[in-house]
N, C-alpha and C. Protein backbone atom coordinates (compact mmCIF):
# COMPACT_ATOMS: atom_id res chain seq x y z
N UNK A 1 -46.81 -1.08 -28.69
CA UNK A 1 -46.95 -0.83 -27.28
C UNK A 1 -45.86 -1.53 -26.46
N UNK A 2 -45.62 -2.79 -26.80
CA UNK A 2 -44.60 -3.56 -26.06
C UNK A 2 -43.22 -2.93 -26.24
N UNK A 3 -42.88 -2.47 -27.44
CA UNK A 3 -41.58 -1.84 -27.70
C UNK A 3 -41.46 -0.55 -26.90
N UNK A 4 -42.56 0.18 -26.82
CA UNK A 4 -42.56 1.44 -26.06
C UNK A 4 -42.29 1.15 -24.58
N UNK A 5 -42.95 0.14 -24.03
CA UNK A 5 -42.76 -0.23 -22.63
C UNK A 5 -41.32 -0.68 -22.38
N UNK A 6 -40.79 -1.51 -23.30
CA UNK A 6 -39.40 -1.97 -23.17
C UNK A 6 -38.43 -0.80 -23.23
N UNK A 7 -38.72 0.13 -24.10
CA UNK A 7 -37.86 1.30 -24.26
C UNK A 7 -37.87 2.15 -22.99
N UNK A 8 -39.05 2.31 -22.38
CA UNK A 8 -39.15 3.08 -21.14
C UNK A 8 -38.40 2.40 -20.00
N UNK A 9 -38.49 1.10 -19.91
CA UNK A 9 -37.76 0.34 -18.88
C UNK A 9 -36.25 0.50 -19.08
N UNK A 10 -35.82 0.39 -20.33
CA UNK A 10 -34.40 0.54 -20.62
C UNK A 10 -33.92 1.94 -20.29
N UNK A 11 -34.75 2.94 -20.56
CA UNK A 11 -34.40 4.33 -20.25
C UNK A 11 -34.28 4.53 -18.74
N UNK A 12 -35.21 3.98 -17.99
CA UNK A 12 -35.14 4.08 -16.52
C UNK A 12 -33.90 3.38 -15.98
N UNK A 13 -33.60 2.21 -16.51
CA UNK A 13 -32.40 1.48 -16.08
C UNK A 13 -31.13 2.26 -16.42
N UNK A 14 -31.10 2.88 -17.58
CA UNK A 14 -29.94 3.68 -17.98
C UNK A 14 -29.77 4.87 -17.06
N UNK A 15 -30.89 5.52 -16.69
CA UNK A 15 -30.81 6.66 -15.77
C UNK A 15 -30.30 6.23 -14.40
N UNK A 16 -30.76 5.08 -13.90
CA UNK A 16 -30.28 4.55 -12.61
C UNK A 16 -28.79 4.25 -12.68
N UNK A 17 -28.37 3.65 -13.78
CA UNK A 17 -26.96 3.32 -13.96
C UNK A 17 -26.10 4.58 -13.97
N UNK A 18 -26.53 5.57 -14.72
CA UNK A 18 -25.77 6.83 -14.79
C UNK A 18 -25.75 7.54 -13.44
N UNK A 19 -26.85 7.49 -12.72
CA UNK A 19 -26.89 8.08 -11.38
C UNK A 19 -25.92 7.40 -10.44
N UNK A 20 -25.86 6.08 -10.51
CA UNK A 20 -24.92 5.32 -9.69
C UNK A 20 -23.48 5.59 -10.06
N UNK A 21 -23.23 5.74 -11.33
CA UNK A 21 -21.87 6.01 -11.79
C UNK A 21 -21.40 7.41 -11.42
N UNK A 22 -22.34 8.34 -11.21
CA UNK A 22 -21.97 9.69 -10.81
C UNK A 22 -21.21 9.68 -9.49
N UNK A 23 -21.64 8.87 -8.54
CA UNK A 23 -20.93 8.72 -7.26
C UNK A 23 -19.57 8.08 -7.45
N UNK A 24 -19.49 7.14 -8.37
CA UNK A 24 -18.20 6.49 -8.67
C UNK A 24 -17.20 7.47 -9.24
N UNK A 25 -17.68 8.43 -10.02
CA UNK A 25 -16.77 9.41 -10.62
C UNK A 25 -16.05 10.18 -9.53
N UNK A 26 -16.77 10.63 -8.52
CA UNK A 26 -16.11 11.40 -7.45
C UNK A 26 -15.16 10.51 -6.66
N UNK A 27 -15.55 9.26 -6.44
CA UNK A 27 -14.66 8.33 -5.72
C UNK A 27 -13.38 8.09 -6.51
N UNK A 28 -13.54 7.85 -7.82
CA UNK A 28 -12.37 7.62 -8.68
C UNK A 28 -11.50 8.86 -8.77
N UNK A 29 -12.11 10.04 -8.81
CA UNK A 29 -11.35 11.29 -8.86
C UNK A 29 -10.51 11.43 -7.60
N UNK A 30 -11.09 11.12 -6.44
CA UNK A 30 -10.34 11.17 -5.18
C UNK A 30 -9.21 10.15 -5.17
N UNK A 31 -9.48 8.95 -5.67
CA UNK A 31 -8.46 7.90 -5.72
C UNK A 31 -7.30 8.31 -6.62
N UNK A 32 -7.60 8.87 -7.77
CA UNK A 32 -6.56 9.31 -8.70
C UNK A 32 -5.72 10.42 -8.08
N UNK A 33 -6.37 11.35 -7.40
CA UNK A 33 -5.63 12.44 -6.74
C UNK A 33 -4.71 11.89 -5.66
N UNK A 34 -5.18 10.93 -4.89
CA UNK A 34 -4.37 10.31 -3.84
C UNK A 34 -3.18 9.57 -4.44
N UNK A 35 -3.42 8.80 -5.50
CA UNK A 35 -2.34 8.06 -6.15
C UNK A 35 -1.30 9.00 -6.76
N UNK A 36 -1.78 10.09 -7.35
CA UNK A 36 -0.86 11.07 -7.95
C UNK A 36 0.01 11.70 -6.89
N UNK A 37 -0.57 12.00 -5.72
CA UNK A 37 0.20 12.61 -4.63
C UNK A 37 1.26 11.64 -4.10
N UNK A 38 0.92 10.35 -4.06
CA UNK A 38 1.85 9.34 -3.53
C UNK A 38 2.89 8.90 -4.55
N UNK A 39 2.64 9.13 -5.82
CA UNK A 39 3.50 8.65 -6.90
C UNK A 39 4.95 9.12 -6.72
N UNK A 40 5.15 10.37 -6.39
CA UNK A 40 6.49 10.92 -6.25
C UNK A 40 7.21 10.43 -5.00
N UNK A 41 6.47 9.86 -4.06
CA UNK A 41 7.06 9.39 -2.80
C UNK A 41 7.53 7.93 -2.88
N UNK A 42 7.16 7.24 -3.92
CA UNK A 42 7.46 5.81 -4.04
C UNK A 42 8.96 5.51 -4.06
N UNK A 43 9.79 6.24 -4.82
CA UNK A 43 11.22 5.90 -4.84
C UNK A 43 11.88 5.93 -3.46
N UNK A 44 11.60 6.95 -2.67
CA UNK A 44 12.20 7.02 -1.34
C UNK A 44 11.75 5.87 -0.46
N UNK A 45 10.46 5.56 -0.50
CA UNK A 45 9.94 4.44 0.29
C UNK A 45 10.58 3.13 -0.14
N UNK A 46 10.77 2.97 -1.45
CA UNK A 46 11.36 1.74 -1.98
C UNK A 46 12.83 1.59 -1.60
N UNK A 47 13.55 2.70 -1.50
CA UNK A 47 14.95 2.64 -1.07
C UNK A 47 15.03 2.07 0.34
N UNK A 48 14.19 2.58 1.23
CA UNK A 48 14.20 2.08 2.62
C UNK A 48 13.78 0.62 2.66
N UNK A 49 12.72 0.27 1.94
CA UNK A 49 12.24 -1.11 1.95
C UNK A 49 13.27 -2.07 1.38
N UNK A 50 13.88 -1.71 0.26
CA UNK A 50 14.89 -2.58 -0.37
C UNK A 50 16.12 -2.71 0.53
N UNK A 51 16.49 -1.63 1.18
CA UNK A 51 17.64 -1.68 2.10
C UNK A 51 17.36 -2.61 3.26
N UNK A 52 16.15 -2.53 3.79
CA UNK A 52 15.80 -3.41 4.91
C UNK A 52 15.80 -4.88 4.48
N UNK A 53 15.22 -5.16 3.32
CA UNK A 53 15.17 -6.55 2.85
C UNK A 53 16.59 -7.06 2.59
N UNK A 54 17.45 -6.21 2.02
CA UNK A 54 18.79 -6.63 1.63
C UNK A 54 19.75 -6.75 2.79
N UNK A 55 19.67 -5.84 3.76
CA UNK A 55 20.72 -5.75 4.77
C UNK A 55 20.28 -6.01 6.20
N UNK A 56 19.03 -5.84 6.55
CA UNK A 56 18.63 -5.86 7.95
C UNK A 56 18.25 -7.24 8.49
N UNK A 57 18.14 -8.22 7.63
CA UNK A 57 17.67 -9.54 8.04
C UNK A 57 18.31 -10.14 9.27
N UNK A 58 19.62 -10.17 9.37
CA UNK A 58 20.23 -10.87 10.50
C UNK A 58 20.27 -10.08 11.81
N UNK A 59 19.77 -8.86 11.83
CA UNK A 59 19.94 -8.01 13.00
C UNK A 59 18.73 -8.02 13.92
N UNK A 60 18.96 -7.55 15.15
CA UNK A 60 17.90 -7.47 16.16
C UNK A 60 16.92 -6.36 15.81
N UNK A 61 15.81 -6.35 16.49
CA UNK A 61 14.77 -5.36 16.25
C UNK A 61 15.29 -3.94 16.52
N UNK A 62 16.03 -3.77 17.61
CA UNK A 62 16.54 -2.44 17.95
C UNK A 62 17.51 -1.93 16.88
N UNK A 63 18.37 -2.82 16.40
CA UNK A 63 19.35 -2.43 15.38
C UNK A 63 18.64 -2.13 14.05
N UNK A 64 17.59 -2.87 13.75
CA UNK A 64 16.82 -2.62 12.53
C UNK A 64 16.18 -1.23 12.57
N UNK A 65 15.63 -0.88 13.73
CA UNK A 65 15.03 0.45 13.88
C UNK A 65 16.08 1.52 13.66
N UNK A 66 17.28 1.31 14.21
CA UNK A 66 18.35 2.28 14.03
C UNK A 66 18.75 2.39 12.56
N UNK A 67 18.87 1.25 11.87
CA UNK A 67 19.22 1.27 10.44
C UNK A 67 18.14 2.00 9.63
N UNK A 68 16.91 1.65 9.89
CA UNK A 68 15.81 2.26 9.15
C UNK A 68 15.78 3.78 9.38
N UNK A 69 16.00 4.18 10.62
CA UNK A 69 16.03 5.62 10.95
C UNK A 69 17.17 6.31 10.22
N UNK A 70 18.34 5.68 10.18
CA UNK A 70 19.47 6.29 9.47
C UNK A 70 19.19 6.40 7.98
N UNK A 71 18.58 5.39 7.39
CA UNK A 71 18.28 5.45 5.96
C UNK A 71 17.26 6.54 5.65
N UNK A 72 16.28 6.69 6.52
CA UNK A 72 15.29 7.76 6.32
C UNK A 72 15.97 9.12 6.48
N UNK A 73 16.89 9.25 7.45
CA UNK A 73 17.64 10.50 7.61
C UNK A 73 18.44 10.82 6.36
N UNK A 74 19.02 9.80 5.74
CA UNK A 74 19.77 10.01 4.49
C UNK A 74 18.84 10.51 3.38
N UNK A 75 17.63 9.98 3.33
CA UNK A 75 16.67 10.46 2.35
C UNK A 75 16.38 11.94 2.57
N UNK A 76 16.20 12.31 3.83
CA UNK A 76 15.91 13.70 4.16
C UNK A 76 17.10 14.58 3.78
N UNK A 77 18.31 14.16 4.14
CA UNK A 77 19.52 14.94 3.85
C UNK A 77 19.76 15.11 2.36
N UNK A 78 19.34 14.13 1.57
CA UNK A 78 19.54 14.20 0.12
C UNK A 78 18.29 14.64 -0.64
N UNK A 79 17.31 15.15 0.09
CA UNK A 79 16.07 15.67 -0.48
C UNK A 79 15.34 14.66 -1.37
N UNK A 80 15.35 13.40 -0.95
CA UNK A 80 14.60 12.37 -1.68
C UNK A 80 13.20 12.30 -1.09
N UNK A 81 12.18 12.54 -1.90
CA UNK A 81 10.81 12.51 -1.37
C UNK A 81 10.43 11.12 -0.87
N UNK A 82 9.73 11.09 0.25
CA UNK A 82 9.26 9.83 0.83
C UNK A 82 8.12 10.15 1.79
N UNK A 83 7.38 9.11 2.18
CA UNK A 83 6.30 9.30 3.14
C UNK A 83 6.89 9.58 4.52
N UNK A 84 6.22 10.40 5.28
CA UNK A 84 6.60 10.60 6.67
C UNK A 84 6.39 9.27 7.38
N UNK A 85 7.33 8.88 8.20
CA UNK A 85 7.22 7.60 8.88
C UNK A 85 7.43 6.41 7.96
N UNK A 86 8.24 6.61 6.93
CA UNK A 86 8.53 5.56 5.95
C UNK A 86 9.11 4.34 6.66
N UNK A 87 8.50 3.17 6.44
CA UNK A 87 8.97 1.92 7.03
C UNK A 87 8.79 0.78 6.04
N UNK A 88 9.62 -0.23 6.18
CA UNK A 88 9.51 -1.40 5.31
C UNK A 88 8.13 -2.05 5.45
N UNK A 89 7.64 -2.15 6.69
CA UNK A 89 6.35 -2.81 6.90
C UNK A 89 5.23 -2.05 6.19
N UNK A 90 5.31 -0.75 6.13
CA UNK A 90 4.27 0.04 5.47
C UNK A 90 4.37 -0.11 3.95
N UNK A 91 5.59 -0.17 3.43
CA UNK A 91 5.78 -0.23 1.99
C UNK A 91 5.51 -1.63 1.43
N UNK A 92 6.04 -2.64 2.09
CA UNK A 92 5.93 -4.00 1.56
C UNK A 92 4.87 -4.86 2.24
N UNK A 93 4.46 -4.47 3.44
CA UNK A 93 3.50 -5.27 4.18
C UNK A 93 2.08 -5.09 3.65
N UNK A 94 1.38 -6.17 3.57
CA UNK A 94 -0.04 -6.15 3.19
C UNK A 94 -0.83 -6.60 4.40
N UNK A 95 -1.73 -5.76 4.88
CA UNK A 95 -2.45 -6.02 6.12
C UNK A 95 -3.15 -7.38 6.12
N UNK A 96 -3.75 -7.75 5.02
CA UNK A 96 -4.46 -9.03 4.95
C UNK A 96 -3.48 -10.19 5.07
N UNK A 97 -2.35 -10.09 4.37
CA UNK A 97 -1.34 -11.15 4.42
C UNK A 97 -0.77 -11.27 5.84
N UNK A 98 -0.47 -10.13 6.46
CA UNK A 98 0.09 -10.14 7.82
C UNK A 98 -0.91 -10.77 8.79
N UNK A 99 -2.17 -10.40 8.67
CA UNK A 99 -3.20 -10.97 9.53
C UNK A 99 -3.31 -12.48 9.32
N UNK A 100 -3.17 -12.91 8.08
CA UNK A 100 -3.23 -14.35 7.80
C UNK A 100 -2.05 -15.07 8.46
N UNK A 101 -0.86 -14.46 8.39
CA UNK A 101 0.31 -15.06 9.05
C UNK A 101 0.08 -15.18 10.56
N UNK A 102 -0.50 -14.14 11.15
CA UNK A 102 -0.76 -14.15 12.59
C UNK A 102 -1.77 -15.24 12.93
N UNK A 103 -2.81 -15.37 12.12
CA UNK A 103 -3.81 -16.42 12.36
C UNK A 103 -3.16 -17.80 12.29
N UNK A 104 -2.18 -17.97 11.40
CA UNK A 104 -1.50 -19.26 11.26
C UNK A 104 -0.39 -19.46 12.28
N UNK A 105 -0.21 -18.50 13.22
CA UNK A 105 0.71 -18.72 14.32
C UNK A 105 1.93 -17.82 14.37
N UNK A 106 2.08 -16.89 13.45
CA UNK A 106 3.21 -15.96 13.51
C UNK A 106 3.00 -15.03 14.70
N UNK A 107 4.02 -14.88 15.56
CA UNK A 107 3.88 -13.92 16.66
C UNK A 107 3.60 -12.51 16.11
N UNK A 108 2.74 -11.81 16.80
CA UNK A 108 2.31 -10.49 16.32
C UNK A 108 3.23 -9.39 16.87
N UNK A 109 4.50 -9.52 16.59
CA UNK A 109 5.46 -8.48 16.97
C UNK A 109 6.19 -8.00 15.72
N UNK A 110 6.79 -6.82 15.82
CA UNK A 110 7.41 -6.19 14.66
C UNK A 110 8.51 -7.06 14.05
N UNK A 111 9.37 -7.64 14.89
CA UNK A 111 10.48 -8.43 14.38
C UNK A 111 9.98 -9.63 13.58
N UNK A 112 9.01 -10.34 14.10
CA UNK A 112 8.48 -11.52 13.40
C UNK A 112 7.82 -11.13 12.09
N UNK A 113 7.06 -10.04 12.11
CA UNK A 113 6.38 -9.59 10.89
C UNK A 113 7.40 -9.13 9.86
N UNK A 114 8.43 -8.40 10.30
CA UNK A 114 9.49 -7.98 9.37
C UNK A 114 10.20 -9.20 8.78
N UNK A 115 10.49 -10.19 9.61
CA UNK A 115 11.13 -11.42 9.11
C UNK A 115 10.24 -12.09 8.06
N UNK A 116 8.95 -12.16 8.31
CA UNK A 116 8.04 -12.78 7.36
C UNK A 116 8.01 -12.00 6.04
N UNK A 117 8.02 -10.67 6.13
CA UNK A 117 8.03 -9.85 4.92
C UNK A 117 9.31 -10.06 4.15
N UNK A 118 10.44 -10.13 4.86
CA UNK A 118 11.73 -10.37 4.20
C UNK A 118 11.72 -11.72 3.51
N UNK A 119 11.22 -12.75 4.19
CA UNK A 119 11.15 -14.09 3.60
C UNK A 119 10.21 -14.10 2.39
N UNK A 120 9.11 -13.39 2.49
CA UNK A 120 8.11 -13.38 1.43
C UNK A 120 8.60 -12.63 0.19
N UNK A 121 9.42 -11.60 0.38
CA UNK A 121 9.85 -10.78 -0.75
C UNK A 121 11.23 -11.15 -1.29
N UNK A 122 11.92 -12.07 -0.63
CA UNK A 122 13.25 -12.46 -1.06
C UNK A 122 13.19 -13.64 -2.02
N UNK A 123 14.19 -13.71 -2.87
CA UNK A 123 14.24 -14.83 -3.82
C UNK A 123 14.94 -16.05 -3.27
N UNK A 124 15.88 -15.84 -2.36
CA UNK A 124 16.58 -17.01 -1.84
C UNK A 124 16.40 -17.11 -0.36
């Protein structure tokens, strides 16, 4: 009798687990589809981000915007896939890290955040 009761409890628990995992399957399927769609856009985004980290550091915010716009235009002209509105902050910036910097006193403007990202991703 005790084994039968234990077996029934285990069966109910297994059914609950499988039911819960059914929702996870659809979520994971959506995540995989999203990642697959973005996969081909990564090289173009990385070109802009790497260019900004390598070359834009010493320039003003206005000049950085102009550089970034020109690099994105080059991607378009050379048919390199990238996200619409490709920016260094979107590619390399992590919202939680940026918010932490702001909490610790970093001004919440684009230039300061870009400088922090450049400092964070640079080796020297």
